[in-house]
Each structure stands twice: as structure tokens, then as C-alpha cells.
């Protein structure tokens, strides 16, 4: 069985992989560790090429959650990787179901 340290390292590797794919698509990602999650954020230029946009969407889809924030300052895409297993988190708080 994997230890908690191995699970955290695996999730950190997922976030690093997301950041690497964004970099390869021409974006400039930032990785930020926050309570319970690892966030990968990048500015989305306007305009953005079709190929870069498609890769951005593919990469975001690999995260546990993601979004796009648009403001007067531009667009920021973000992807989050949970530091804990979502099912275990809910069960620990009494909100999940276990089989």
C-alpha cells in the first residue's frame, strides 16, 4: 500500500506534468501549493491559436478541477490537483459513501 508521502509526491508529479504540458503548448504556468490542493495557473493570451487552445483544454481536463477566469486584466486558466484522495476526504468528514 502506498504511503501518504508517496501519494503526495504522485499528486505533485501530476501538477508538474500539467505545468510541463502547458509550457510545451506555449503558456507560462505557475505552480502554487495551497491548503489541500496544488494549483497550476497560466495567463491565456488574446488571441490564442486554435492548437494552443485545444491543448489547454486537454490539459485542464486531466486535473481534479479546473476553470477559466476572465477579468479586465485578461484571462487566467487554472487546474487543481487535490492533495488528498477526494473519496477519502469526504469519508473522513462523514460526507462520503464507502463500499
C-alpha atoms as a PDB file:
ATOM      1  CA  UNK A   1       0.000   0.000   0.000  1.00  0.00           C
ATOM      2  CA  UNK A   2       1.292   3.460  -0.855  1.00  0.00           C
ATOM      3  CA  UNK A   3       2.306   5.713   1.965  1.00  0.00           C
ATOM      4  CA  UNK A   4       0.924   9.220   2.356  1.00  0.00           C
ATOM      5  CA  UNK A   5       4.294  10.630   1.256  1.00  0.00           C
ATOM      6  CA  UNK A   6       4.141   8.622  -1.976  1.00  0.00           C
ATOM      7  CA  UNK A   7       0.608   9.832  -2.653  1.00  0.00           C
ATOM      8  CA  UNK A   8       1.578  13.467  -2.114  1.00  0.00           C
ATOM      9  CA  UNK A   9       4.605  13.007  -4.405  1.00  0.00           C
ATOM     10  CA  UNK A  10       2.405  11.428  -7.090  1.00  0.00           C
ATOM     11  CA  UNK A  11      -0.040  14.338  -6.934  1.00  0.00           C
ATOM     12  CA  UNK A  12       2.831  16.819  -7.093  1.00  0.00           C
ATOM     13  CA  UNK A  13       4.120  14.953 -10.158  1.00  0.00           C
ATOM     14  CA  UNK A  14       0.661  15.292 -11.761  1.00  0.00           C
ATOM     15  CA  UNK A  15       0.751  19.048 -11.210  1.00  0.00           C
ATOM     16  CA  UNK A  16       4.291  19.231 -12.620  1.00  0.00           C
ATOM     17  CA  UNK A  17       3.163  17.236 -15.663  1.00  0.00           C
ATOM     18  CA  UNK A  18       0.261  19.658 -16.222  1.00  0.00           C
ATOM     19  CA  UNK A  19       2.683  22.587 -15.995  1.00  0.00           C
ATOM     20  CA  UNK A  20       5.108  20.918 -18.430  1.00  0.00           C
ATOM     21  CA  UNK A  21       2.359  20.310 -20.997  1.00  0.00           C
ATOM     22  CA  UNK A  22       1.195  23.912 -20.704  1.00  0.00           C
ATOM     23  CA  UNK A  23       4.768  25.107 -21.220  1.00  0.00           C
ATOM     24  CA  UNK A  24       5.114  22.893 -24.289  1.00  0.00           C
ATOM     25  CA  UNK A  25       1.940  24.486 -25.699  1.00  0.00           C
ATOM     26  CA  UNK A  26       3.451  27.953 -25.314  1.00  0.00           C
ATOM     27  CA  UNK A  27       1.919  29.018 -22.000  1.00  0.00           C
ATOM     28  CA  UNK A  28       3.789  30.211 -18.892  1.00  0.00           C
ATOM     29  CA  UNK A  29       2.369  28.248 -15.957  1.00  0.00           C
ATOM     30  CA  UNK A  30       2.863  28.910 -12.241  1.00  0.00           C
ATOM     31  CA  UNK A  31       2.560  26.107  -9.677  1.00  0.00           C
ATOM     32  CA  UNK A  32       1.257  27.092  -6.249  1.00  0.00           C
ATOM     33  CA  UNK A  33       0.799  24.829  -3.255  1.00  0.00           C
ATOM     34  CA  UNK A  34      -2.266  25.697  -1.235  1.00  0.00           C
ATOM     35  CA  UNK A  35      -4.058  24.006   1.602  1.00  0.00           C
ATOM     36  CA  UNK A  36      -5.444  20.759   0.250  1.00  0.00           C
ATOM     37  CA  UNK A  37      -4.589  21.449  -3.406  1.00  0.00           C
ATOM     38  CA  UNK A  38      -1.829  22.162  -5.875  1.00  0.00           C
ATOM     39  CA  UNK A  39      -2.833  24.876  -8.356  1.00  0.00           C
ATOM     40  CA  UNK A  40      -1.350  25.382 -11.811  1.00  0.00           C
ATOM     41  CA  UNK A  41      -2.254  28.763 -13.302  1.00  0.00           C
ATOM     42  CA  UNK A  42      -1.425  30.398 -16.620  1.00  0.00           C
ATOM     43  CA  UNK A  43      -2.385  33.539 -18.458  1.00  0.00           C
ATOM     44  CA  UNK A  44      -4.257  32.888 -21.694  1.00  0.00           C
ATOM     45  CA  UNK A  45      -3.324  35.420 -24.381  1.00  0.00           C
ATOM     46  CA  UNK A  46      -5.884  37.006 -26.649  1.00  0.00           C
ATOM     47  CA  UNK A  47      -5.802  35.836 -29.338  1.00  0.00           C
ATOM     48  CA  UNK A  48      -4.666  32.275 -28.717  1.00  0.00           C
ATOM     49  CA  UNK A  49      -4.042  29.809 -31.540  1.00  0.00           C
ATOM     50  CA  UNK A  50      -6.509  27.010 -32.119  1.00  0.00           C
ATOM     51  CA  UNK A  51      -3.818  24.388 -31.441  1.00  0.00           C
ATOM     52  CA  UNK A  52      -2.792  26.020 -28.148  1.00  0.00           C
ATOM     53  CA  UNK A  53      -6.446  26.372 -27.073  1.00  0.00           C
ATOM     54  CA  UNK A  54      -7.147  22.698 -27.823  1.00  0.00           C
ATOM     55  CA  UNK A  55      -4.073  21.591 -25.869  1.00  0.00           C
ATOM     56  CA  UNK A  56      -5.060  23.867 -22.978  1.00  0.00           C
ATOM     57  CA  UNK A  57      -8.482  22.211 -22.814  1.00  0.00           C
ATOM     58  CA  UNK A  58      -6.963  18.709 -22.966  1.00  0.00           C
ATOM     59  CA  UNK A  59      -4.504  19.526 -20.186  1.00  0.00           C
ATOM     60  CA  UNK A  60      -7.144  21.142 -17.967  1.00  0.00           C
ATOM     61  CA  UNK A  61      -9.269  18.016 -18.338  1.00  0.00           C
ATOM     62  CA  UNK A  62      -6.570  15.946 -16.622  1.00  0.00           C
ATOM     63  CA  UNK A  63      -6.893  17.916 -13.373  1.00  0.00           C
ATOM     64  CA  UNK A  64      -9.247  17.195 -10.466  1.00  0.00           C
ATOM     65  CA  UNK A  65     -10.876  20.581 -11.097  1.00  0.00           C
ATOM     66  CA  UNK A  66     -10.227  23.490 -13.445  1.00  0.00           C
ATOM     67  CA  UNK A  67     -11.583  26.806 -14.626  1.00  0.00           C
ATOM     68  CA  UNK A  68     -11.085  29.969 -16.624  1.00  0.00           C
ATOM     69  CA  UNK A  69     -11.344  33.413 -15.055  1.00  0.00           C
ATOM     70  CA  UNK A  70     -11.833  36.446 -17.269  1.00  0.00           C
ATOM     71  CA  UNK A  71     -11.403  39.985 -15.960  1.00  0.00           C
ATOM     72  CA  UNK A  72     -10.381  43.387 -17.210  1.00  0.00           C
ATOM     73  CA  UNK A  73      -6.769  42.250 -16.741  1.00  0.00           C
ATOM     74  CA  UNK A  74      -7.084  39.256 -19.081  1.00  0.00           C
ATOM     75  CA  UNK A  75      -7.797  35.529 -18.781  1.00  0.00           C
ATOM     76  CA  UNK A  76      -6.310  33.058 -16.327  1.00  0.00           C
ATOM     77  CA  UNK A  77      -6.775  29.313 -16.748  1.00  0.00           C
ATOM     78  CA  UNK A  78      -6.270  27.182 -13.652  1.00  0.00           C
ATOM     79  CA  UNK A  79      -6.081  23.491 -12.865  1.00  0.00           C
ATOM     80  CA  UNK A  80      -6.089  21.986  -9.385  1.00  0.00           C
ATOM     81  CA  UNK A  81      -4.823  18.628  -8.167  1.00  0.00           C
ATOM     82  CA  UNK A  82      -6.175  17.517  -4.795  1.00  0.00           C
ATOM     83  CA  UNK A  83      -3.522  16.652  -2.219  1.00  0.00           C
ATOM     84  CA  UNK A  84      -5.860  14.061  -0.692  1.00  0.00           C
ATOM     85  CA  UNK A  85      -7.992  11.439  -2.382  1.00  0.00           C
ATOM     86  CA  UNK A  86     -11.449  13.040  -2.774  1.00  0.00           C
ATOM     87  CA  UNK A  87     -13.280   9.867  -1.663  1.00  0.00           C
ATOM     88  CA  UNK A  88     -11.127   9.596   1.456  1.00  0.00           C
ATOM     89  CA  UNK A  89     -11.604  13.287   2.222  1.00  0.00           C
ATOM     90  CA  UNK A  90     -15.391  13.006   2.103  1.00  0.00           C
ATOM     91  CA  UNK A  91     -15.430   9.775   4.108  1.00  0.00           C
ATOM     92  CA  UNK A  92     -13.165  11.300   6.755  1.00  0.00           C
ATOM     93  CA  UNK A  93     -15.599  14.198   7.116  1.00  0.00           C
ATOM     94  CA  UNK A  94     -18.634  11.903   7.114  1.00  0.00           C
ATOM     95  CA  UNK A  95     -19.953  13.045   3.736  1.00  0.00           C
ATOM     96  CA  UNK A  96     -18.805  10.158   1.544  1.00  0.00           C
ATOM     97  CA  UNK A  97     -20.012   6.645   0.999  1.00  0.00           C
ATOM     98  CA  UNK A  98     -17.768   3.652   1.231  1.00  0.00           C
ATOM     99  CA  UNK A  99     -18.488   0.264  -0.252  1.00  0.00           C
END
